[in-house]
C-alpha atoms as a PDB file:
ATOM      1  CA  MET A   1     157.060  67.586  -6.832  1.00  0.00           C
ATOM      2  CA  LYS A   2     157.051  71.360  -7.127  1.00  0.00           C
ATOM      3  CA  ASN A   3     159.668  71.283  -9.875  1.00  0.00           C
ATOM      4  CA  PHE A   4     157.686  68.634 -11.756  1.00  0.00           C
ATOM      5  CA  THR A   5     154.593  70.834 -11.631  1.00  0.00           C
ATOM      6  CA  ILE A   6     156.534  73.809 -12.955  1.00  0.00           C
ATOM      7  CA  ALA A   7     157.922  71.692 -15.776  1.00  0.00           C
ATOM      8  CA  ILE A   8     154.446  70.479 -16.663  1.00  0.00           C
ATOM      9  CA  ILE A   9     153.152  74.065 -16.713  1.00  0.00           C
ATOM     10  CA  VAL A  10     156.041  75.174 -18.927  1.00  0.00           C
ATOM     11  CA  ILE A  11     155.444  72.313 -21.339  1.00  0.00           C
ATOM     12  CA  ILE A  12     151.736  73.020 -21.469  1.00  0.00           C
ATOM     13  CA  GLY A  13     152.460  76.735 -22.040  1.00  0.00           C
ATOM     14  CA  PHE A  14     154.911  75.913 -24.810  1.00  0.00           C
ATOM     15  CA  ILE A  15     152.399  73.613 -26.449  1.00  0.00           C
ATOM     16  CA  PHE A  16     149.698  76.267 -26.161  1.00  0.00           C
ATOM     17  CA  VAL A  17     151.921  78.931 -27.671  1.00  0.00           C
ATOM     18  CA  SER A  18     152.915  76.546 -30.477  1.00  0.00           C
ATOM     19  CA  ALA A  19     149.250  76.039 -31.237  1.00  0.00           C
ATOM     20  CA  LEU A  20     148.707  79.753 -31.781  1.00  0.00           C
ATOM     21  CA  PHE A  21     149.613  81.692 -34.937  1.00  0.00           C
ATOM     22  CA  VAL A  22     148.849  85.194 -36.077  1.00  0.00           C
ATOM     23  CA  VAL A  23     148.076  86.213 -39.654  1.00  0.00           C
ATOM     24  CA  PRO A  24     149.042  89.894 -40.241  1.00  0.00           C
ATOM     25  CA  GLU A  25     146.885  92.308 -42.172  1.00  0.00           C
ATOM     26  CA  GLY A  26     147.455  91.988 -45.919  1.00  0.00           C
ATOM     27  CA  GLN A  27     148.339  88.296 -45.691  1.00  0.00           C
ATOM     28  CA  ARG A  28     146.550  84.968 -45.746  1.00  0.00           C
ATOM     29  CA  ALA A  29     147.667  81.656 -44.311  1.00  0.00           C
ATOM     30  CA  ILE A  30     147.268  77.976 -45.170  1.00  0.00           C
ATOM     31  CA  VAL A  31     148.031  75.053 -42.895  1.00  0.00           C
ATOM     32  CA  ILE A  32     150.017  72.047 -44.058  1.00  0.00           C
ATOM     33  CA  GLN A  33     149.712  68.695 -42.284  1.00  0.00           C
ATOM     34  CA  PHE A  34     152.064  65.855 -43.263  1.00  0.00           C
ATOM     35  CA  GLY A  35     152.867  67.609 -46.531  1.00  0.00           C
ATOM     36  CA  LYS A  36     149.234  68.140 -47.524  1.00  0.00           C
ATOM     37  CA  ILE A  37     147.297  71.366 -47.541  1.00  0.00           C
ATOM     38  CA  GLN A  38     144.454  71.453 -45.034  1.00  0.00           C
ATOM     39  CA  ARG A  39     141.065  71.270 -46.723  1.00  0.00           C
ATOM     40  CA  ASP A  40     137.491  71.392 -45.521  1.00  0.00           C
ATOM     41  CA  ALA A  41     134.760  68.785 -45.970  1.00  0.00           C
ATOM     42  CA  GLU A  42     134.145  70.013 -49.549  1.00  0.00           C
ATOM     43  CA  GLN A  43     137.852  69.664 -50.388  1.00  0.00           C
ATOM     44  CA  ASN A  44     138.359  73.404 -50.598  1.00  0.00           C
ATOM     45  CA  VAL A  45     141.625  74.828 -49.286  1.00  0.00           C
ATOM     46  CA  VAL A  46     141.195  76.357 -45.845  1.00  0.00           C
ATOM     47  CA  VAL A  47     142.465  79.946 -45.990  1.00  0.00           C
ATOM     48  CA  TYR A  48     142.991  81.793 -42.712  1.00  0.00           C
ATOM     49  CA  GLU A  49     142.129  85.476 -42.682  1.00  0.00           C
ATOM     50  CA  PRO A  50     144.124  88.088 -40.693  1.00  0.00           C
ATOM     51  CA  GLY A  51     143.840  87.489 -36.966  1.00  0.00           C
ATOM     52  CA  LEU A  52     144.665  84.921 -34.258  1.00  0.00           C
ATOM     53  CA  HIS A  53     144.185  81.219 -35.087  1.00  0.00           C
ATOM     54  CA  PHE A  54     144.955  77.765 -33.713  1.00  0.00           C
ATOM     55  CA  LYS A  55     146.685  74.735 -35.191  1.00  0.00           C
ATOM     56  CA  LEU A  56     147.920  71.391 -34.013  1.00  0.00           C
ATOM     57  CA  PRO A  57     151.359  71.937 -32.526  1.00  0.00           C
ATOM     58  CA  PHE A  58     154.286  69.969 -33.995  1.00  0.00           C
ATOM     59  CA  ILE A  59     151.997  68.398 -36.579  1.00  0.00           C
ATOM     60  CA  GLU A  60     150.711  71.291 -38.653  1.00  0.00           C
ATOM     61  CA  THR A  61     152.856  74.055 -40.164  1.00  0.00           C
ATOM     62  CA  VAL A  62     151.634  77.445 -41.308  1.00  0.00           C
ATOM     63  CA  ARG A  63     152.581  79.138 -44.600  1.00  0.00           C
ATOM     64  CA  LYS A  64     151.731  82.810 -44.817  1.00  0.00           C
ATOM     65  CA  LEU A  65     151.142  84.263 -48.254  1.00  0.00           C
ATOM     66  CA  ASP A  66     150.963  87.922 -49.326  1.00  0.00           C
ATOM     67  CA  ALA A  67     147.410  88.718 -50.451  1.00  0.00           C
ATOM     68  CA  ARG A  68     148.129  92.251 -51.600  1.00  0.00           C
ATOM     69  CA  VAL A  69     148.356  93.365 -55.211  1.00  0.00           C
ATOM     70  CA  GLN A  70     151.877  92.757 -56.508  1.00  0.00           C
ATOM     71  CA  THR A  71     153.731  94.559 -59.300  1.00  0.00           C
ATOM     72  CA  LEU A  72     155.829  92.735 -61.850  1.00  0.00           C
ATOM     73  CA  ASP A  73     157.869  95.493 -63.491  1.00  0.00           C
ATOM     74  CA  ASP A  74     159.232  93.602 -66.428  1.00  0.00           C
ATOM     75  CA  ALA A  75     162.416  94.534 -68.211  1.00  0.00           C
ATOM     76  CA  GLN A  76     162.403  95.339 -71.911  1.00  0.00           C
ATOM     77  CA  ASP A  77     161.562  92.403 -74.166  1.00  0.00           C
ATOM     78  CA  ARG A  78     161.793  92.111 -77.926  1.00  0.00           C
ATOM     79  CA  PHE A  79     158.606  91.465 -79.895  1.00  0.00           C
ATOM     80  CA  VAL A  80     157.951  91.125 -83.616  1.00  0.00           C
ATOM     81  CA  THR A  81     155.121  93.004 -85.345  1.00  0.00           C
ATOM     82  CA  ALA A  82     152.943  91.859 -88.221  1.00  0.00           C
ATOM     83  CA  GLU A  83     155.367  93.374 -90.768  1.00  0.00           C
ATOM     84  CA  LYS A  84     158.288  91.482 -89.123  1.00  0.00           C
ATOM     85  CA  LYS A  85     159.711  94.552 -87.385  1.00  0.00           C
ATOM     86  CA  ASP A  86     161.372  94.236 -83.990  1.00  0.00           C
ATOM     87  CA  LEU A  87     160.185  96.344 -81.070  1.00  0.00           C
ATOM     88  CA  LEU A  88     161.555  96.742 -77.557  1.00  0.00           C
ATOM     89  CA  VAL A  89     158.606  96.831 -75.167  1.00  0.00           C
ATOM     90  CA  ASP A  90     158.736  97.934 -71.538  1.00  0.00           C
ATOM     91  CA  SER A  91     155.684  96.732 -69.589  1.00  0.00           C
ATOM     92  CA  TYR A  92     154.450  96.005 -66.095  1.00  0.00           C
ATOM     93  CA  VAL A  93     151.806  93.691 -64.594  1.00  0.00           C
ATOM     94  CA  LYS A  94     149.575  94.038 -61.542  1.00  0.00           C
ATOM     95  CA  TRP A  95     148.619  90.675 -60.020  1.00  0.00           C
ATOM     96  CA  ARG A  96     147.446  89.013 -56.812  1.00  0.00           C
ATOM     97  CA  ILE A  97     146.726  85.543 -55.443  1.00  0.00           C
ATOM     98  CA  ASN A  98     143.130  84.400 -55.802  1.00  0.00           C
ATOM     99  CA  ASP A  99     143.582  80.637 -55.188  1.00  0.00           C
ATOM    100  CA  PHE A 100     146.055  80.155 -52.360  1.00  0.00           C
ATOM    101  CA  GLY A 101     146.070  76.365 -52.615  1.00  0.00           C
ATOM    102  CA  ALA A 102     146.793  76.315 -56.356  1.00  0.00           C
ATOM    103  CA  TYR A 103     149.339  79.094 -55.913  1.00  0.00           C
ATOM    104  CA  PHE A 104     151.225  77.180 -53.215  1.00  0.00           C
ATOM    105  CA  LEU A 105     151.205  73.949 -55.188  1.00  0.00           C
ATOM    106  CA  ALA A 106     152.423  75.697 -58.380  1.00  0.00           C
ATOM    107  CA  THR A 107     155.053  77.967 -56.875  1.00  0.00           C
ATOM    108  CA  GLY A 108     155.748  76.669 -53.378  1.00  0.00           C
ATOM    109  CA  GLY A 109     154.703  80.058 -52.066  1.00  0.00           C
ATOM    110  CA  ASN A 110     157.751  81.699 -53.674  1.00  0.00           C
ATOM    111  CA  ILE A 111     156.933  85.092 -55.224  1.00  0.00           C
ATOM    112  CA  ALA A 112     160.057  85.066 -57.409  1.00  0.00           C
ATOM    113  CA  GLN A 113     159.055  81.690 -58.886  1.00  0.00           C
ATOM    114  CA  ALA A 114     155.518  82.947 -59.409  1.00  0.00           C
ATOM    115  CA  GLU A 115     156.752  86.019 -61.278  1.00  0.00           C
ATOM    116  CA  VAL A 116     159.006  83.919 -63.519  1.00  0.00           C
ATOM    117  CA  LEU A 117     156.040  81.778 -64.560  1.00  0.00           C
ATOM    118  CA  LEU A 118     153.715  84.780 -64.844  1.00  0.00           C
ATOM    119  CA  LYS A 119     156.230  86.602 -67.040  1.00  0.00           C
ATOM    120  CA  GLN A 120     156.111  83.741 -69.525  1.00  0.00           C
ATOM    121  CA  TYR A 121     152.322  83.971 -69.773  1.00  0.00           C
ATOM    122  CA  ILE A 122     152.404  87.770 -70.111  1.00  0.00           C
ATOM    123  CA  ASN A 123     155.072  87.687 -72.811  1.00  0.00           C
ATOM    124  CA  ASN A 124     153.126  85.038 -74.738  1.00  0.00           C
ATOM    125  CA  GLY A 125     150.026  87.235 -74.637  1.00  0.00           C
ATOM    126  CA  LEU A 126     151.941  90.352 -75.677  1.00  0.00           C
ATOM    127  CA  ARG A 127     153.753  88.448 -78.418  1.00  0.00           C
ATOM    128  CA  THR A 128     150.419  87.336 -79.852  1.00  0.00           C
ATOM    129  CA  GLU A 129     148.979  90.870 -79.731  1.00  0.00           C
ATOM    130  CA  PHE A 130     152.049  92.516 -81.249  1.00  0.00           C
ATOM    131  CA  GLY A 131     152.286  89.841 -83.930  1.00  0.00           C
ATOM    132  CA  THR A 132     148.831  90.688 -85.301  1.00  0.00           C
ATOM    133  CA  ARG A 133     149.431  94.454 -85.551  1.00  0.00           C
ATOM    134  CA  THR A 134     151.693  96.775 -87.497  1.00  0.00           C
ATOM    135  CA  ILE A 135     153.862  99.453 -85.916  1.00  0.00           C
ATOM    136  CA  GLN A 136     151.518 102.161 -87.165  1.00  0.00           C
ATOM    137  CA  GLU A 137     148.506 100.433 -85.594  1.00  0.00           C
ATOM    138  CA  ILE A 138     150.328  99.968 -82.303  1.00  0.00           C
ATOM    139  CA  VAL A 139     151.517 103.557 -82.089  1.00  0.00           C
ATOM    140  CA  SER A 140     148.528 105.344 -83.628  1.00  0.00           C
ATOM    141  CA  GLY A 141     145.755 104.191 -81.329  1.00  0.00           C
ATOM    142  CA  GLU A 142     145.399 100.444 -80.751  1.00  0.00           C
ATOM    143  CA  ARG A 143     147.561 100.268 -77.636  1.00  0.00           C
ATOM    144  CA  ALA A 144     144.507 100.012 -75.364  1.00  0.00           C
ATOM    145  CA  GLU A 145     143.093  97.101 -77.381  1.00  0.00           C
ATOM    146  CA  LEU A 146     146.529  95.468 -77.351  1.00  0.00           C
ATOM    147  CA  MET A 147     146.825  95.671 -73.555  1.00  0.00           C
ATOM    148  CA  GLN A 148     143.256  94.420 -73.098  1.00  0.00           C
ATOM    149  CA  GLY A 149     143.946  91.414 -75.328  1.00  0.00           C
ATOM    150  CA  ALA A 150     147.178  90.651 -73.468  1.00  0.00           C
ATOM    151  CA  LEU A 151     145.329  90.948 -70.146  1.00  0.00           C
ATOM    152  CA  GLN A 152     142.678  88.455 -71.237  1.00  0.00           C
ATOM    153  CA  GLN A 153     145.195  85.920 -72.529  1.00  0.00           C
ATOM    154  CA  ALA A 154     147.451  86.242 -69.501  1.00  0.00           C
ATOM    155  CA  GLY A 155     144.486  86.023 -67.128  1.00  0.00           C
ATOM    156  CA  ALA A 156     143.240  82.799 -68.710  1.00  0.00           C
ATOM    157  CA  ALA A 157     146.708  81.215 -68.669  1.00  0.00           C
ATOM    158  CA  SER A 158     147.621  82.293 -65.129  1.00  0.00           C
ATOM    159  CA  ARG A 159     144.574  80.703 -63.442  1.00  0.00           C
ATOM    160  CA  GLU A 160     146.470  77.442 -63.101  1.00  0.00           C
ATOM    161  CA  LEU A 161     148.961  79.336 -60.942  1.00  0.00           C
ATOM    162  CA  GLY A 162     146.181  80.562 -58.676  1.00  0.00           C
ATOM    163  CA  ILE A 163     146.932  84.124 -59.790  1.00  0.00           C
ATOM    164  CA  GLU A 164     144.572  86.863 -60.923  1.00  0.00           C
ATOM    165  CA  VAL A 165     146.106  89.317 -63.374  1.00  0.00           C
ATOM    166  CA  VAL A 166     144.633  92.691 -62.456  1.00  0.00           C
ATOM    167  CA  ASP A 167     146.199  94.834 -65.176  1.00  0.00           C
ATOM    168  CA  VAL A 168     148.771  94.769 -67.961  1.00  0.00           C
ATOM    169  CA  ARG A 169     150.303  98.042 -69.096  1.00  0.00           C
ATOM    170  CA  VAL A 170     152.774  98.886 -71.834  1.00  0.00           C
ATOM    171  CA  LYS A 171     154.913 101.770 -70.558  1.00  0.00           C
ATOM    172  CA  GLN A 172     157.207 102.358 -73.494  1.00  0.00           C
ATOM    173  CA  ILE A 173     157.784 101.057 -77.007  1.00  0.00           C
ATOM    174  CA  ASN A 174     161.151 101.601 -78.651  1.00  0.00           C
ATOM    175  CA  LEU A 175     162.854 100.488 -81.801  1.00  0.00           C
ATOM    176  CA  PRO A 176     166.121  98.546 -81.480  1.00  0.00           C
ATOM    177  CA  GLN A 177     169.248 100.672 -81.690  1.00  0.00           C
ATOM    178  CA  GLU A 178     170.262  99.398 -85.113  1.00  0.00           C
ATOM    179  CA  VAL A 179     166.772 100.061 -86.516  1.00  0.00           C
ATOM    180  CA  SER A 180     166.587 103.489 -84.858  1.00  0.00           C
ATOM    181  CA  SER A 181     169.940 104.459 -86.333  1.00  0.00           C
ATOM    182  CA  SER A 182     168.873 103.517 -89.861  1.00  0.00           C
ATOM    183  CA  ILE A 183     165.537 105.315 -89.472  1.00  0.00           C
ATOM    184  CA  PHE A 184     167.215 108.448 -88.124  1.00  0.00           C
ATOM    185  CA  ALA A 185     169.735 108.351 -90.984  1.00  0.00           C
ATOM    186  CA  ARG A 186     166.905 108.057 -93.517  1.00  0.00           C
ATOM    187  CA  MET A 187     164.953 110.854 -91.857  1.00  0.00           C
ATOM    188  CA  GLU A 188     168.073 113.046 -91.839  1.00  0.00           C
ATOM    189  CA  ALA A 189     168.668 112.356 -95.538  1.00  0.00           C
ATOM    190  CA  GLU A 190     165.037 113.201 -96.325  1.00  0.00           C
ATOM    191  CA  ARG A 191     165.256 116.452 -94.335  1.00  0.00           C
ATOM    192  CA  HIS A 192     168.475 117.377 -96.124  1.00  0.00           C
ATOM    193  CA  ALA A 193     166.791 116.714 -99.479  1.00  0.00           C
ATOM    194  CA  VAL A 194     163.835 118.904 -98.500  1.00  0.00           C
ATOM    195  CA  ALA A 195     166.224 121.619 -97.298  1.00  0.00           C
ATOM    196  CA  ARG A 196     168.148 121.505-100.574  1.00  0.00           C
ATOM    197  CA  GLU A 197     164.890 121.761-102.523  1.00  0.00           C
ATOM    198  CA  HIS A 198     163.741 124.769-100.495  1.00  0.00           C
ATOM    199  CA  ARG A 199     167.181 126.341-100.819  1.00  0.00           C
ATOM    200  CA  SER A 200     167.224 125.901-104.600  1.00  0.00           C
ATOM    201  CA  ARG A 201     163.723 127.353-104.872  1.00  0.00           C
ATOM    202  CA  GLY A 202     164.804 130.283-102.735  1.00  0.00           C
ATOM    203  CA  MET A 203     167.843 130.894-104.914  1.00  0.00           C
ATOM    204  CA  GLU A 204     165.644 130.731-108.011  1.00  0.00           C
ATOM    205  CA  GLU A 205     163.185 133.221-106.528  1.00  0.00           C
ATOM    206  CA  ALA A 206     166.092 135.442-105.465  1.00  0.00           C
ATOM    207  CA  GLU A 207     167.508 135.457-108.994  1.00  0.00           C
ATOM    208  CA  ILE A 208     164.095 136.337-110.418  1.00  0.00           C
ATOM    209  CA  ILE A 209     163.662 139.191-107.935  1.00  0.00           C
ATOM    210  CA  ARG A 210     167.235 140.389-108.489  1.00  0.00           C
ATOM    211  CA  ALA A 211     166.791 140.363-112.297  1.00  0.00           C
ATOM    212  CA  ASP A 212     163.504 142.263-111.993  1.00  0.00           C
ATOM    213  CA  VAL A 213     165.088 144.851-109.699  1.00  0.00           C
ATOM    214  CA  ASP A 214     168.123 145.218-111.992  1.00  0.00           C
ATOM    215  CA  ALA A 215     165.797 145.751-114.984  1.00  0.00           C
ATOM    216  CA  ARG A 216     163.826 148.377-113.090  1.00  0.00           C
ATOM    217  CA  VAL A 217     167.028 150.106-111.967  1.00  0.00           C
ATOM    218  CA  THR A 218     168.345 150.114-115.556  1.00  0.00           C
ATOM    219  CA  VAL A 219     165.100 151.653-116.806  1.00  0.00           C
ATOM    220  CA  MET A 220     165.082 154.224-114.019  1.00  0.00           C
ATOM    221  CA  VAL A 221     168.730 155.181-114.661  1.00  0.00           C
ATOM    222  CA  ALA A 222     168.056 155.484-118.408  1.00  0.00           C
ATOM    223  CA  ASP A 223     165.011 157.652-117.732  1.00  0.00           C
ATOM    224  CA  ALA A 224     167.001 159.802-115.315  1.00  0.00           C
ATOM    225  CA  GLU A 225     169.848 160.242-117.782  1.00  0.00           C
ATOM    226  CA  ARG A 226     167.379 161.119-120.547  1.00  0.00           C
ATOM    227  CA  ASN A 227     165.631 163.604-118.288  1.00  0.00           C
ATOM    228  CA  SER A 228     168.966 165.055-117.169  1.00  0.00           C
ATOM    229  CA  ARG A 229     170.074 165.519-120.773  1.00  0.00           C
ATOM    230  CA  THR A 230     166.757 167.159-121.559  1.00  0.00           C
ATOM    231  CA  VAL A 231     167.036 169.498-118.575  1.00  0.00           C
ATOM    232  CA  ARG A 232     170.699 170.230-119.387  1.00  0.00           C
ATOM    233  CA  GLY A 233     169.774 170.992-123.010  1.00  0.00           C
ATOM    234  CA  ASP A 234     166.970 173.278-121.916  1.00  0.00           C
ATOM    235  CA  GLY A 235     169.379 174.997-119.513  1.00  0.00           C
ATOM    236  CA  ASP A 236     172.016 175.415-122.185  1.00  0.00           C
ATOM    237  CA  ALA A 237     169.433 176.815-124.583  1.00  0.00           C
ATOM    238  CA  LEU A 238     168.172 179.212-121.920  1.00  0.00           C
ATOM    239  CA  ALA A 239     171.740 180.286-121.116  1.00  0.00           C
ATOM    240  CA  ALA A 240     172.438 180.820-124.798  1.00  0.00           C
ATOM    241  CA  ASN A 241     169.339 182.993-125.080  1.00  0.00           C
ATOM    242  CA  VAL A 242     170.395 185.007-122.044  1.00  0.00           C
ATOM    243  CA  TYR A 243     173.889 185.462-123.448  1.00  0.00           C
ATOM    244  CA  ALA A 244     172.453 186.457-126.826  1.00  0.00           C
ATOM    245  CA  GLU A 245     170.100 188.987-125.268  1.00  0.00           C
ATOM    246  CA  ALA A 246     172.902 190.427-123.149  1.00  0.00           C
ATOM    247  CA  TYR A 247     175.185 190.665-126.164  1.00  0.00           C
ATOM    248  CA  ASN A 248     172.529 192.366-128.231  1.00  0.00           C
ATOM    249  CA  LYS A 249     171.921 194.981-125.546  1.00  0.00           C
ATOM    250  CA  ASN A 250     175.625 196.002-125.158  1.00  0.00           C
ATOM    251  CA  ALA A 251     178.129 193.995-127.090  1.00  0.00           C
ATOM    252  CA  GLU A 252     181.172 195.873-125.782  1.00  0.00           C
ATOM    253  CA  PHE A 253     180.170 195.518-122.160  1.00  0.00           C
ATOM    254  CA  PHE A 254     179.355 191.857-122.707  1.00  0.00           C
ATOM    255  CA  SER A 255     182.782 191.281-124.211  1.00  0.00           C
ATOM    256  CA  PHE A 256     184.372 193.124-121.292  1.00  0.00           C
ATOM    257  CA  VAL A 257     182.590 191.006-118.698  1.00  0.00           C
ATOM    258  CA  ARG A 258     183.499 187.800-120.468  1.00  0.00           C
ATOM    259  CA  SER A 259     187.129 188.880-120.634  1.00  0.00           C
ATOM    260  CA  MET A 260     187.121 189.634-116.889  1.00  0.00           C
ATOM    261  CA  GLU A 261     185.781 186.180-116.175  1.00  0.00           C
ATOM    262  CA  ALA A 262     188.462 184.692-118.398  1.00  0.00           C
ATOM    263  CA  TYR A 263     191.186 186.703-116.558  1.00  0.00           C
ATOM    264  CA  ARG A 264     189.877 185.505-113.186  1.00  0.00           C
ATOM    265  CA  LYS A 265     189.808 181.869-114.217  1.00  0.00           C
ATOM    266  CA  SER A 266     193.208 182.074-115.908  1.00  0.00           C
ATOM    267  CA  PHE A 267     194.973 183.695-112.939  1.00  0.00           C
ATOM    268  CA  ASN A 268     193.074 181.938-110.172  1.00  0.00           C
ATOM    269  CA  SER A 269     196.263 180.622-108.602  1.00  0.00           C
ATOM    270  CA  LYS A 270     199.713 182.143-108.096  1.00  0.00           C
ATOM    271  CA  ASP A 271     201.182 179.158-109.847  1.00  0.00           C
ATOM    272  CA  ASP A 272     199.203 179.796-113.031  1.00  0.00           C
ATOM    273  CA  VAL A 273     201.382 180.746-116.001  1.00  0.00           C
ATOM    274  CA  LEU A 274     200.059 181.993-119.310  1.00  0.00           C
ATOM    275  CA  VAL A 275     202.432 182.354-122.234  1.00  0.00           C
ATOM    276  CA  VAL A 276     201.022 184.566-125.025  1.00  0.00           C
ATOM    277  CA  GLN A 277     202.226 187.462-127.118  1.00  0.00           C
ATOM    278  CA  PRO A 278     201.699 190.928-125.577  1.00  0.00           C
ATOM    279  CA  ASP A 279     199.647 192.128-128.491  1.00  0.00           C
ATOM    280  CA  ASN A 280     197.379 189.113-128.262  1.00  0.00           C
ATOM    281  CA  GLU A 281     193.674 189.872-128.410  1.00  0.00           C
ATOM    282  CA  PHE A 282     193.256 188.192-125.019  1.00  0.00           C
ATOM    283  CA  PHE A 283     194.800 191.202-123.220  1.00  0.00           C
ATOM    284  CA  LYS A 284     193.035 193.947-125.156  1.00  0.00           C
ATOM    285  CA  TYR A 285     191.162 195.214-122.046  1.00  0.00           C
ATOM    286  CA  MET A 286     194.397 195.342-120.062  1.00  0.00           C
ATOM    287  CA  LYS A 287     195.998 197.923-122.369  1.00  0.00           C
ATOM    288  CA  SER A 288     195.988 201.508-121.118  1.00  0.00           C
ATOM    289  CA  ASP A 289     194.337 203.021-124.159  1.00  0.00           C
ATOM    290  CA  GLN A 290     191.467 200.593-123.869  1.00  0.00           C
ATOM    291  CA  VAL A 291     191.085 201.296-120.183  1.00  0.00           C
ATOM    292  CA  GLN A 292     191.056 205.031-120.782  1.00  0.00           C
ATOM    293  CA  ASN A 293     188.386 204.630-123.374  1.00  0.00           C
END
């Protein structure tokens, strides 16, 4: 009898424990009975808030769903603009469950399945927004309007999943590699053309400056040579006047001095040799009778 009582107590305790379930903070729970979601008298899905709750043991099962904001960080997708240009778009989506019954029926409570379906809606919205704009409009300032339009379209389409799209953001927009390569090649060719134009203009300006400088130098050299000839002529004339005045004052002494200068220049070096006749006029001041006089 004692063992039977213990067994009854254990069974009752097990049943009691099975009837309890706890919903953690940040989650919500729904109860499923015979494959159907538990609803209230108004046919609304009964959603259990965080805390301790009861259910019918062995008959009802509990499915806990994450009620926090989720992030769908989508990989790059290819979209076509209004001018039929391809773009690689990197985006992310913030979403959360707002209808737990519809969410469970549409996805089975599987987040991965929910994100696959949500990605389709988001891409459709982005494809529509990109398809009505050019690359210049997208890059130059309409990105906010584009994301707002995608958010509205995705939000309307995702209601059947029981999901609220909180935000849609475009992180990065790139051109495909083949398009980027052709654009970079064209930009490089344009820069080379501009560089060649600047270089040719610089060479032209350099030639003009060089020609102007050469002309100025030629004029300056000609002026200097003319001035030097003038100064040299004036000097020669002055020297001639000095020589003439000196000669007029004492012709013999002048002739003697000039002869001494000629002797000094002629015999400046030991290797100098002068071949003349002894009675040549050049040596008249070296004769003894002239010296005595």
